Amino acid sequence: MPAKKEYLASKSQRALKITAGLLGGYFLAISIHMLLAVLLPYRIEVIITGAFSVFLLWTAFMVTAFLVRNGWVVWGIYLVSILFCAWLVYFLK
């Protein structure tokens, strides 16, 4: 039994969510770990642990990208978060 058409997203929204989950989620996970490396005193351990924890955080961001109805909202949230983390890394370093 197919789903109702009202619950299905359009192809453009689906593409926006997929790209936000893949690209935006990855860059957001990396920028959060860069911020942690700047804030915490043990940078090498954060970078080494980041090899594993980035993957877990990335999958969480991929899942949360599909919780929002509009793909542009997801991209907006991810880009603002990435720029905020990058701004903090730049000024804290």
PDB file of N, CA and C in Angstrom:
ATOM      1  N   MET A   1       0.843  -1.166   0.000  1.00  0.00           N
ATOM      2  CA  MET A   1       0.000   0.000   0.000  1.00  0.00           C
ATOM      3  C   MET A   1       0.897   1.241   0.000  1.00  0.00           C
ATOM      4  N   PRO A   2       0.796   2.072  -1.014  1.00  0.00           N
ATOM      5  CA  PRO A   2       1.666   3.253  -1.084  1.00  0.00           C
ATOM      6  C   PRO A   2       1.281   4.303  -0.046  1.00  0.00           C
ATOM      7  N   ALA A   3       2.249   5.138   0.241  1.00  0.00           N
ATOM      8  CA  ALA A   3       2.019   6.211   1.209  1.00  0.00           C
ATOM      9  C   ALA A   3       1.170   7.310   0.566  1.00  0.00           C
ATOM     10  N   LYS A   4       0.558   8.096   1.425  1.00  0.00           N
ATOM     11  CA  LYS A   4      -0.205   9.236   0.926  1.00  0.00           C
ATOM     12  C   LYS A   4       0.744  10.263   0.320  1.00  0.00           C
ATOM     13  N   LYS A   5       0.286  10.910  -0.727  1.00  0.00           N
ATOM     14  CA  LYS A   5       1.122  11.897  -1.410  1.00  0.00           C
ATOM     15  C   LYS A   5       1.436  13.098  -0.529  1.00  0.00           C
ATOM     16  N   GLU A   6       0.572  13.404   0.423  1.00  0.00           N
ATOM     17  CA  GLU A   6       0.801  14.577   1.267  1.00  0.00           C
ATOM     18  C   GLU A   6       1.961  14.386   2.236  1.00  0.00           C
ATOM     19  N   TYR A   7       2.336  13.139   2.514  1.00  0.00           N
ATOM     20  CA  TYR A   7       3.436  12.880   3.431  1.00  0.00           C
ATOM     21  C   TYR A   7       4.774  12.716   2.725  1.00  0.00           C
ATOM     22  N   LEU A   8       4.760  12.631   1.424  1.00  0.00           N
ATOM     23  CA  LEU A   8       5.994  12.465   0.668  1.00  0.00           C
ATOM     24  C   LEU A   8       6.570  13.826   0.306  1.00  0.00           C
ATOM     25  N   ALA A   9       7.882  13.937   0.357  1.00  0.00           N
ATOM     26  CA  ALA A   9       8.557  15.187  -0.001  1.00  0.00           C
ATOM     27  C   ALA A   9       8.798  15.222  -1.508  1.00  0.00           C
ATOM     28  N   SER A  10       8.917  16.412  -2.040  1.00  0.00           N
ATOM     29  CA  SER A  10       9.219  16.530  -3.466  1.00  0.00           C
ATOM     30  C   SER A  10      10.665  16.113  -3.712  1.00  0.00           C
ATOM     31  N   LYS A  11      10.995  15.940  -4.983  1.00  0.00           N
ATOM     32  CA  LYS A  11      12.351  15.479  -5.317  1.00  0.00           C
ATOM     33  C   LYS A  11      13.406  16.512  -4.960  1.00  0.00           C
ATOM     34  N   SER A  12      13.063  17.785  -5.108  1.00  0.00           N
ATOM     35  CA  SER A  12      14.043  18.819  -4.772  1.00  0.00           C
ATOM     36  C   SER A  12      14.277  18.882  -3.265  1.00  0.00           C
ATOM     37  N   GLN A  13      13.224  18.741  -2.469  1.00  0.00           N
ATOM     38  CA  GLN A  13      13.384  18.742  -1.012  1.00  0.00           C
ATOM     39  C   GLN A  13      14.166  17.510  -0.560  1.00  0.00           C
ATOM     40  N   ARG A  14      13.905  16.389  -1.193  1.00  0.00           N
ATOM     41  CA  ARG A  14      14.636  15.173  -0.852  1.00  0.00           C
ATOM     42  C   ARG A  14      16.118  15.331  -1.181  1.00  0.00           C
ATOM     43  N   ALA A  15      16.422  15.937  -2.329  1.00  0.00           N
ATOM     44  CA  ALA A  15      17.819  16.167  -2.713  1.00  0.00           C
ATOM     45  C   ALA A  15      18.495  17.140  -1.751  1.00  0.00           C
ATOM     46  N   LEU A  16      17.771  18.180  -1.328  1.00  0.00           N
ATOM     47  CA  LEU A  16      18.334  19.126  -0.368  1.00  0.00           C
ATOM     48  C   LEU A  16      18.627  18.451   0.964  1.00  0.00           C
ATOM     49  N   LYS A  17      17.742  17.595   1.417  1.00  0.00           N
ATOM     50  CA  LYS A  17      17.959  16.903   2.692  1.00  0.00           C
ATOM     51  C   LYS A  17      19.115  15.924   2.604  1.00  0.00           C
ATOM     52  N   ILE A  18      19.228  15.231   1.482  1.00  0.00           N
ATOM     53  CA  ILE A  18      20.323  14.271   1.316  1.00  0.00           C
ATOM     54  C   ILE A  18      21.663  14.991   1.277  1.00  0.00           C
ATOM     55  N   THR A  19      21.750  16.071   0.511  1.00  0.00           N
ATOM     56  CA  THR A  19      23.018  16.797   0.445  1.00  0.00           C
ATOM     57  C   THR A  19      23.340  17.487   1.769  1.00  0.00           C
ATOM     58  N   ALA A  20      22.301  17.969   2.460  1.00  0.00           N
ATOM     59  CA  ALA A  20      22.551  18.579   3.771  1.00  0.00           C
ATOM     60  C   ALA A  20      23.043  17.521   4.748  1.00  0.00           C
ATOM     61  N   GLY A  21      22.464  16.342   4.693  1.00  0.00           N
ATOM     62  CA  GLY A  21      22.897  15.281   5.589  1.00  0.00           C
ATOM     63  C   GLY A  21      24.309  14.810   5.291  1.00  0.00           C
ATOM     64  N   LEU A  22      24.617  14.651   4.017  1.00  0.00           N
ATOM     65  CA  LEU A  22      25.943  14.152   3.646  1.00  0.00           C
ATOM     66  C   LEU A  22      27.024  15.217   3.779  1.00  0.00           C
ATOM     67  N   LEU A  23      26.861  16.305   3.054  1.00  0.00           N
ATOM     68  CA  LEU A  23      27.910  17.332   3.045  1.00  0.00           C
ATOM     69  C   LEU A  23      27.867  18.229   4.279  1.00  0.00           C
ATOM     70  N   GLY A  24      26.693  18.789   4.543  1.00  0.00           N
ATOM     71  CA  GLY A  24      26.574  19.700   5.681  1.00  0.00           C
ATOM     72  C   GLY A  24      26.833  19.009   7.008  1.00  0.00           C
ATOM     73  N   GLY A  25      26.312  17.789   7.149  1.00  0.00           N
ATOM     74  CA  GLY A  25      26.548  17.039   8.389  1.00  0.00           C
ATOM     75  C   GLY A  25      28.011  16.711   8.601  1.00  0.00           C
ATOM     76  N   TYR A  26      28.708  16.365   7.508  1.00  0.00           N
ATOM     77  CA  TYR A  26      30.134  16.050   7.624  1.00  0.00           C
ATOM     78  C   TYR A  26      30.939  17.289   8.024  1.00  0.00           C
ATOM     79  N   PHE A  27      30.696  18.402   7.334  1.00  0.00           N
ATOM     80  CA  PHE A  27      31.445  19.616   7.644  1.00  0.00           C
ATOM     81  C   PHE A  27      31.105  20.158   9.030  1.00  0.00           C
ATOM     82  N   LEU A  28      29.876  19.964   9.462  1.00  0.00           N
ATOM     83  CA  LEU A  28      29.506  20.396  10.811  1.00  0.00           C
ATOM     84  C   LEU A  28      30.186  19.534  11.861  1.00  0.00           C
ATOM     85  N   ALA A  29      30.249  18.236  11.635  1.00  0.00           N
ATOM     86  CA  ALA A  29      30.933  17.350  12.579  1.00  0.00           C
ATOM     87  C   ALA A  29      32.424  17.675  12.655  1.00  0.00           C
ATOM     88  N   ILE A  30      33.038  17.954  11.519  1.00  0.00           N
ATOM     89  CA  ILE A  30      34.455  18.331  11.494  1.00  0.00           C
ATOM     90  C   ILE A  30      34.680  19.660  12.201  1.00  0.00           C
ATOM     91  N   SER A  31      33.804  20.629  11.967  1.00  0.00           N
ATOM     92  CA  SER A  31      34.000  21.939  12.596  1.00  0.00           C
ATOM     93  C   SER A  31      33.785  21.874  14.102  1.00  0.00           C
ATOM     94  N   ILE A  32      32.889  21.028  14.565  1.00  0.00           N
ATOM     95  CA  ILE A  32      32.722  20.852  16.013  1.00  0.00           C
ATOM     96  C   ILE A  32      33.969  20.242  16.620  1.00  0.00           C
ATOM     97  N   HIS A  33      34.583  19.288  15.942  1.00  0.00           N
ATOM     98  CA  HIS A  33      35.808  18.692  16.476  1.00  0.00           C
ATOM     99  C   HIS A  33      36.986  19.661  16.405  1.00  0.00           C
ATOM    100  N   MET A  34      37.014  20.510  15.399  1.00  0.00           N
ATOM    101  CA  MET A  34      38.057  21.539  15.368  1.00  0.00           C
ATOM    102  C   MET A  34      37.900  22.506  16.529  1.00  0.00           C
ATOM    103  N   LEU A  35      36.647  22.852  16.836  1.00  0.00           N
ATOM    104  CA  LEU A  35      36.387  23.734  17.971  1.00  0.00           C
ATOM    105  C   LEU A  35      36.806  23.064  19.276  1.00  0.00           C
ATOM    106  N   LEU A  36      36.515  21.777  19.412  1.00  0.00           N
ATOM    107  CA  LEU A  36      36.951  21.054  20.609  1.00  0.00           C
ATOM    108  C   LEU A  36      38.467  20.999  20.714  1.00  0.00           C
ATOM    109  N   ALA A  37      39.146  20.843  19.591  1.00  0.00           N
ATOM    110  CA  ALA A  37      40.613  20.797  19.606  1.00  0.00           C
ATOM    111  C   ALA A  37      41.202  22.134  20.039  1.00  0.00           C
ATOM    112  N   VAL A  38      40.513  23.220  19.732  1.00  0.00           N
ATOM    113  CA  VAL A  38      41.003  24.535  20.144  1.00  0.00           C
ATOM    114  C   VAL A  38      40.687  24.799  21.614  1.00  0.00           C
ATOM    115  N   LEU A  39      39.510  24.380  22.052  1.00  0.00           N
ATOM    116  CA  LEU A  39      39.082  24.673  23.424  1.00  0.00           C
ATOM    117  C   LEU A  39      39.762  23.804  24.473  1.00  0.00           C
ATOM    118  N   LEU A  40      39.944  22.529  24.183  1.00  0.00           N
ATOM    119  CA  LEU A  40      40.485  21.603  25.177  1.00  0.00           C
ATOM    120  C   LEU A  40      42.007  21.611  25.159  1.00  0.00           C
ATOM    121  N   PRO A  41      42.638  21.369  26.302  1.00  0.00           N
ATOM    122  CA  PRO A  41      44.103  21.448  26.352  1.00  0.00           C
ATOM    123  C   PRO A  41      44.815  20.281  25.667  1.00  0.00           C
ATOM    124  N   TYR A  42      44.156  19.144  25.488  1.00  0.00           N
ATOM    125  CA  TYR A  42      44.797  17.981  24.867  1.00  0.00           C
ATOM    126  C   TYR A  42      44.298  17.842  23.433  1.00  0.00           C
ATOM    127  N   ARG A  43      44.991  18.535  22.535  1.00  0.00           N
ATOM    128  CA  ARG A  43      44.558  18.608  21.139  1.00  0.00           C
ATOM    129  C   ARG A  43      44.792  17.313  20.381  1.00  0.00           C
ATOM    130  N   ILE A  44      45.912  16.671  20.633  1.00  0.00           N
ATOM    131  CA  ILE A  44      46.251  15.447  19.901  1.00  0.00           C
ATOM    132  C   ILE A  44      45.216  14.359  20.183  1.00  0.00           C
ATOM    133  N   GLU A  45      44.781  14.246  21.432  1.00  0.00           N
ATOM    134  CA  GLU A  45      43.790  13.228  21.771  1.00  0.00           C
ATOM    135  C   GLU A  45      42.448  13.498  21.109  1.00  0.00           C
ATOM    136  N   VAL A  46      42.089  14.778  21.004  1.00  0.00           N
ATOM    137  CA  VAL A  46      40.830  15.126  20.340  1.00  0.00           C
ATOM    138  C   VAL A  46      40.902  14.778  18.857  1.00  0.00           C
ATOM    139  N   ILE A  47      42.024  15.029  18.242  1.00  0.00           N
ATOM    140  CA  ILE A  47      42.180  14.731  16.819  1.00  0.00           C
ATOM    141  C   ILE A  47      42.163  13.228  16.584  1.00  0.00           C
ATOM    142  N   ILE A  48      42.833  12.457  17.426  1.00  0.00           N
ATOM    143  CA  ILE A  48      42.852  11.007  17.271  1.00  0.00           C
ATOM    144  C   ILE A  48      41.474  10.419  17.541  1.00  0.00           C
ATOM    145  N   THR A  49      40.812  10.862  18.582  1.00  0.00           N
ATOM    146  CA  THR A  49      39.473  10.380  18.887  1.00  0.00           C
ATOM    147  C   THR A  49      38.469  10.847  17.841  1.00  0.00           C
ATOM    148  N   GLY A  50      38.751  11.973  17.222  1.00  0.00           N
ATOM    149  CA  GLY A  50      37.866  12.505  16.200  1.00  0.00           C
ATOM    150  C   GLY A  50      37.710  11.598  15.000  1.00  0.00           C
ATOM    151  N   ALA A  51      38.691  10.745  14.755  1.00  0.00           N
ATOM    152  CA  ALA A  51      38.576   9.811  13.640  1.00  0.00           C
ATOM    153  C   ALA A  51      37.375   8.885  13.814  1.00  0.00           C
ATOM    154  N   PHE A  52      37.030   8.585  15.045  1.00  0.00           N
ATOM    155  CA  PHE A  52      35.893   7.704  15.316  1.00  0.00           C
ATOM    156  C   PHE A  52      34.629   8.484  15.657  1.00  0.00           C
ATOM    157  N   SER A  53      34.771   9.536  16.431  1.00  0.00           N
ATOM    158  CA  SER A  53      33.585  10.250  16.886  1.00  0.00           C
ATOM    159  C   SER A  53      32.980  11.142  15.796  1.00  0.00           C
ATOM    160  N   VAL A  54      33.764  11.532  14.808  1.00  0.00           N
ATOM    161  CA  VAL A  54      33.203  12.304  13.696  1.00  0.00           C
ATOM    162  C   VAL A  54      32.187  11.457  12.947  1.00  0.00           C
ATOM    163  N   PHE A  55      32.490  10.187  12.767  1.00  0.00           N
ATOM    164  CA  PHE A  55      31.561   9.305  12.065  1.00  0.00           C
ATOM    165  C   PHE A  55      30.243   9.181  12.822  1.00  0.00           C
ATOM    166  N   LEU A  56      30.289   9.044  14.136  1.00  0.00           N
ATOM    167  CA  LEU A  56      29.064   8.950  14.928  1.00  0.00           C
ATOM    168  C   LEU A  56      28.262  10.242  14.887  1.00  0.00           C
ATOM    169  N   LEU A  57      28.944  11.359  14.997  1.00  0.00           N
ATOM    170  CA  LEU A  57      28.260  12.652  14.949  1.00  0.00           C
ATOM    171  C   LEU A  57      27.698  12.920  13.554  1.00  0.00           C
ATOM    172  N   TRP A  58      28.422  12.494  12.538  1.00  0.00           N
ATOM    173  CA  TRP A  58      27.976  12.661  11.162  1.00  0.00           C
ATOM    174  C   TRP A  58      26.687  11.887  10.902  1.00  0.00           C
ATOM    175  N   THR A  59      26.622  10.666  11.387  1.00  0.00           N
ATOM    176  CA  THR A  59      25.389   9.886  11.209  1.00  0.00           C
ATOM    177  C   THR A  59      24.219  10.520  11.961  1.00  0.00           C
ATOM    178  N   ALA A  60      24.484  11.096  13.118  1.00  0.00           N
ATOM    179  CA  ALA A  60      23.412  11.780  13.853  1.00  0.00           C
ATOM    180  C   ALA A  60      22.913  12.993  13.074  1.00  0.00           C
ATOM    181  N   PHE A  61      23.820  13.734  12.447  1.00  0.00           N
ATOM    182  CA  PHE A  61      23.413  14.883  11.646  1.00  0.00           C
ATOM    183  C   PHE A  61      22.688  14.452  10.377  1.00  0.00           C
ATOM    184  N   MET A  62      23.044  13.294   9.814  1.00  0.00           N
ATOM    185  CA  MET A  62      22.324  12.797   8.647  1.00  0.00           C
ATOM    186  C   MET A  62      20.887  12.442   9.000  1.00  0.00           C
ATOM    187  N   VAL A  63      20.694  11.840  10.163  1.00  0.00           N
ATOM    188  CA  VAL A  63      19.337  11.475  10.581  1.00  0.00           C
ATOM    189  C   VAL A  63      18.522  12.718  10.896  1.00  0.00           C
ATOM    190  N   THR A  64      19.107  13.676  11.583  1.00  0.00           N
ATOM    191  CA  THR A  64      18.354  14.870  11.954  1.00  0.00           C
ATOM    192  C   THR A  64      18.012  15.740  10.742  1.00  0.00           C
ATOM    193  N   ALA A  65      18.739  15.576   9.642  1.00  0.00           N
ATOM    194  CA  ALA A  65      18.404  16.341   8.437  1.00  0.00           C
ATOM    195  C   ALA A  65      17.035  15.943   7.897  1.00  0.00           C
ATOM    196  N   PHE A  66      16.615  14.725   8.144  1.00  0.00           N
ATOM    197  CA  PHE A  66      15.329  14.263   7.628  1.00  0.00           C
ATOM    198  C   PHE A  66      14.181  14.505   8.597  1.00  0.00           C
ATOM    199  N   LEU A  67      14.450  15.059   9.752  1.00  0.00           N
ATOM    200  CA  LEU A  67      13.388  15.356  10.708  1.00  0.00           C
ATOM    201  C   LEU A  67      12.679  16.671  10.397  1.00  0.00           C
ATOM    202  N   VAL A  68      13.330  17.521   9.623  1.00  0.00           N
ATOM    203  CA  VAL A  68      12.756  18.820   9.277  1.00  0.00           C
ATOM    204  C   VAL A  68      12.081  18.700   7.914  1.00  0.00           C
ATOM    205  N   ARG A  69      10.951  19.373   7.742  1.00  0.00           N
ATOM    206  CA  ARG A  69      10.211  19.284   6.477  1.00  0.00           C
ATOM    207  C   ARG A  69      10.908  19.977   5.318  1.00  0.00           C
ATOM    208  N   ASN A  70      11.523  21.107   5.581  1.00  0.00           N
ATOM    209  CA  ASN A  70      12.108  21.912   4.517  1.00  0.00           C
ATOM    210  C   ASN A  70      13.619  21.711   4.478  1.00  0.00           C
ATOM    211  N   GLY A  71      14.150  21.354   3.313  1.00  0.00           N
ATOM    212  CA  GLY A  71      15.582  21.130   3.166  1.00  0.00           C
ATOM    213  C   GLY A  71      16.400  22.397   3.267  1.00  0.00           C
ATOM    214  N   TRP A  72      15.783  23.543   2.875  1.00  0.00           N
ATOM    215  CA  TRP A  72      16.500  24.804   2.986  1.00  0.00           C
ATOM    216  C   TRP A  72      16.726  25.190   4.441  1.00  0.00           C
ATOM    217  N   VAL A  73      15.812  24.838   5.300  1.00  0.00           N
ATOM    218  CA  VAL A  73      15.962  25.121   6.733  1.00  0.00           C
ATOM    219  C   VAL A  73      17.132  24.310   7.297  1.00  0.00           C
ATOM    220  N   VAL A  74      17.231  23.060   6.876  1.00  0.00           N
ATOM    221  CA  VAL A  74      18.345  22.214   7.337  1.00  0.00           C
ATOM    222  C   VAL A  74      19.673  22.803   6.880  1.00  0.00           C
ATOM    223  N   TRP A  75      19.749  23.179   5.608  1.00  0.00           N
ATOM    224  CA  TRP A  75      20.977  23.791   5.102  1.00  0.00           C
ATOM    225  C   TRP A  75      21.299  25.084   5.847  1.00  0.00           C
ATOM    226  N   GLY A  76      20.282  25.886   6.131  1.00  0.00           N
ATOM    227  CA  GLY A  76      20.503  27.127   6.861  1.00  0.00           C
ATOM    228  C   GLY A  76      21.047  26.891   8.257  1.00  0.00           C
ATOM    229  N   ILE A  77      20.459  25.937   8.959  1.00  0.00           N
ATOM    230  CA  ILE A  77      20.919  25.625  10.315  1.00  0.00           C
ATOM    231  C   ILE A  77      22.340  25.090  10.293  1.00  0.00           C
ATOM    232  N   TYR A  78      22.618  24.187   9.362  1.00  0.00           N
ATOM    233  CA  TYR A  78      23.960  23.610   9.288  1.00  0.00           C
ATOM    234  C   TYR A  78      25.001  24.656   8.897  1.00  0.00           C
ATOM    235  N   LEU A  79      24.676  25.516   7.930  1.00  0.00           N
ATOM    236  CA  LEU A  79      25.649  26.531   7.517  1.00  0.00           C
ATOM    237  C   LEU A  79      25.906  27.567   8.602  1.00  0.00           C
ATOM    238  N   VAL A  80      24.871  27.980   9.297  1.00  0.00           N
ATOM    239  CA  VAL A  80      25.065  28.932  10.396  1.00  0.00           C
ATOM    240  C   VAL A  80      25.899  28.294  11.505  1.00  0.00           C
ATOM    241  N   SER A  81      25.643  27.033  11.798  1.00  0.00           N
ATOM    242  CA  SER A  81      26.416  26.341  12.835  1.00  0.00           C
ATOM    243  C   SER A  81      27.872  26.171  12.421  1.00  0.00           C
ATOM    244  N   ILE A  82      28.109  25.832  11.160  1.00  0.00           N
ATOM    245  CA  ILE A  82      29.476  25.684  10.663  1.00  0.00           C
ATOM    246  C   ILE A  82      30.217  27.016  10.736  1.00  0.00           C
ATOM    247  N   LEU A  83      29.569  28.075  10.289  1.00  0.00           N
ATOM    248  CA  LEU A  83      30.213  29.399  10.321  1.00  0.00           C
ATOM    249  C   LEU A  83      30.453  29.876  11.745  1.00  0.00           C
ATOM    250  N   PHE A  84      29.543  29.574  12.658  1.00  0.00           N
ATOM    251  CA  PHE A  84      29.741  29.949  14.053  1.00  0.00           C
ATOM    252  C   PHE A  84      30.928  29.207  14.661  1.00  0.00           C
ATOM    253  N   CYS A  85      31.033  27.908  14.396  1.00  0.00           N
ATOM    254  CA  CYS A  85      32.177  27.146  14.902  1.00  0.00           C
ATOM    255  C   CYS A  85      33.485  27.642  14.287  1.00  0.00           C
ATOM    256  N   ALA A  86      33.454  27.949  12.992  1.00  0.00           N
ATOM    257  CA  ALA A  86      34.658  28.447  12.333  1.00  0.00           C
ATOM    258  C   ALA A  86      35.061  29.811  12.886  1.00  0.00           C
ATOM    259  N   TRP A  87      34.070  30.650  13.162  1.00  0.00           N
ATOM    260  CA  TRP A  87      34.345  31.958  13.751  1.00  0.00           C
ATOM    261  C   TRP A  87      34.977  31.809  15.128  1.00  0.00           C
ATOM    262  N   LEU A  88      34.444  30.893  15.936  1.00  0.00           N
ATOM    263  CA  LEU A  88      35.025  30.661  17.266  1.00  0.00           C
ATOM    264  C   LEU A  88      36.447  30.102  17.180  1.00  0.00           C
ATOM    265  N   VAL A  89      36.669  29.183  16.256  1.00  0.00           N
ATOM    266  CA  VAL A  89      38.016  28.628  16.080  1.00  0.00           C
ATOM    267  C   VAL A  89      38.981  29.729  15.673  1.00  0.00           C
ATOM    268  N   TYR A  90      38.549  30.583  14.774  1.00  0.00           N
ATOM    269  CA  TYR A  90      39.417  31.663  14.291  1.00  0.00           C
ATOM    270  C   TYR A  90      39.768  32.639  15.410  1.00  0.00           C
ATOM    271  N   PHE A  91      38.799  33.027  16.221  1.00  0.00           N
ATOM    272  CA  PHE A  91      39.060  34.035  17.240  1.00  0.00           C
ATOM    273  C   PHE A  91      39.625  33.464  18.535  1.00  0.00           C
ATOM    274  N   LEU A  92      39.416  32.193  18.792  1.00  0.00           N
ATOM    275  CA  LEU A  92      39.991  31.590  19.997  1.00  0.00           C
ATOM    276  C   LEU A  92      41.432  31.144  19.791  1.00  0.00           C
ATOM    277  N   LYS A  93      41.802  30.945  18.556  1.00  0.00           N
ATOM    278  CA  LYS A  93      43.170  30.524  18.289  1.00  0.00           C
ATOM    279  C   LYS A  93      44.038  31.747  18.209  1.00  0.00           C
TER     280      LYS A  93
END
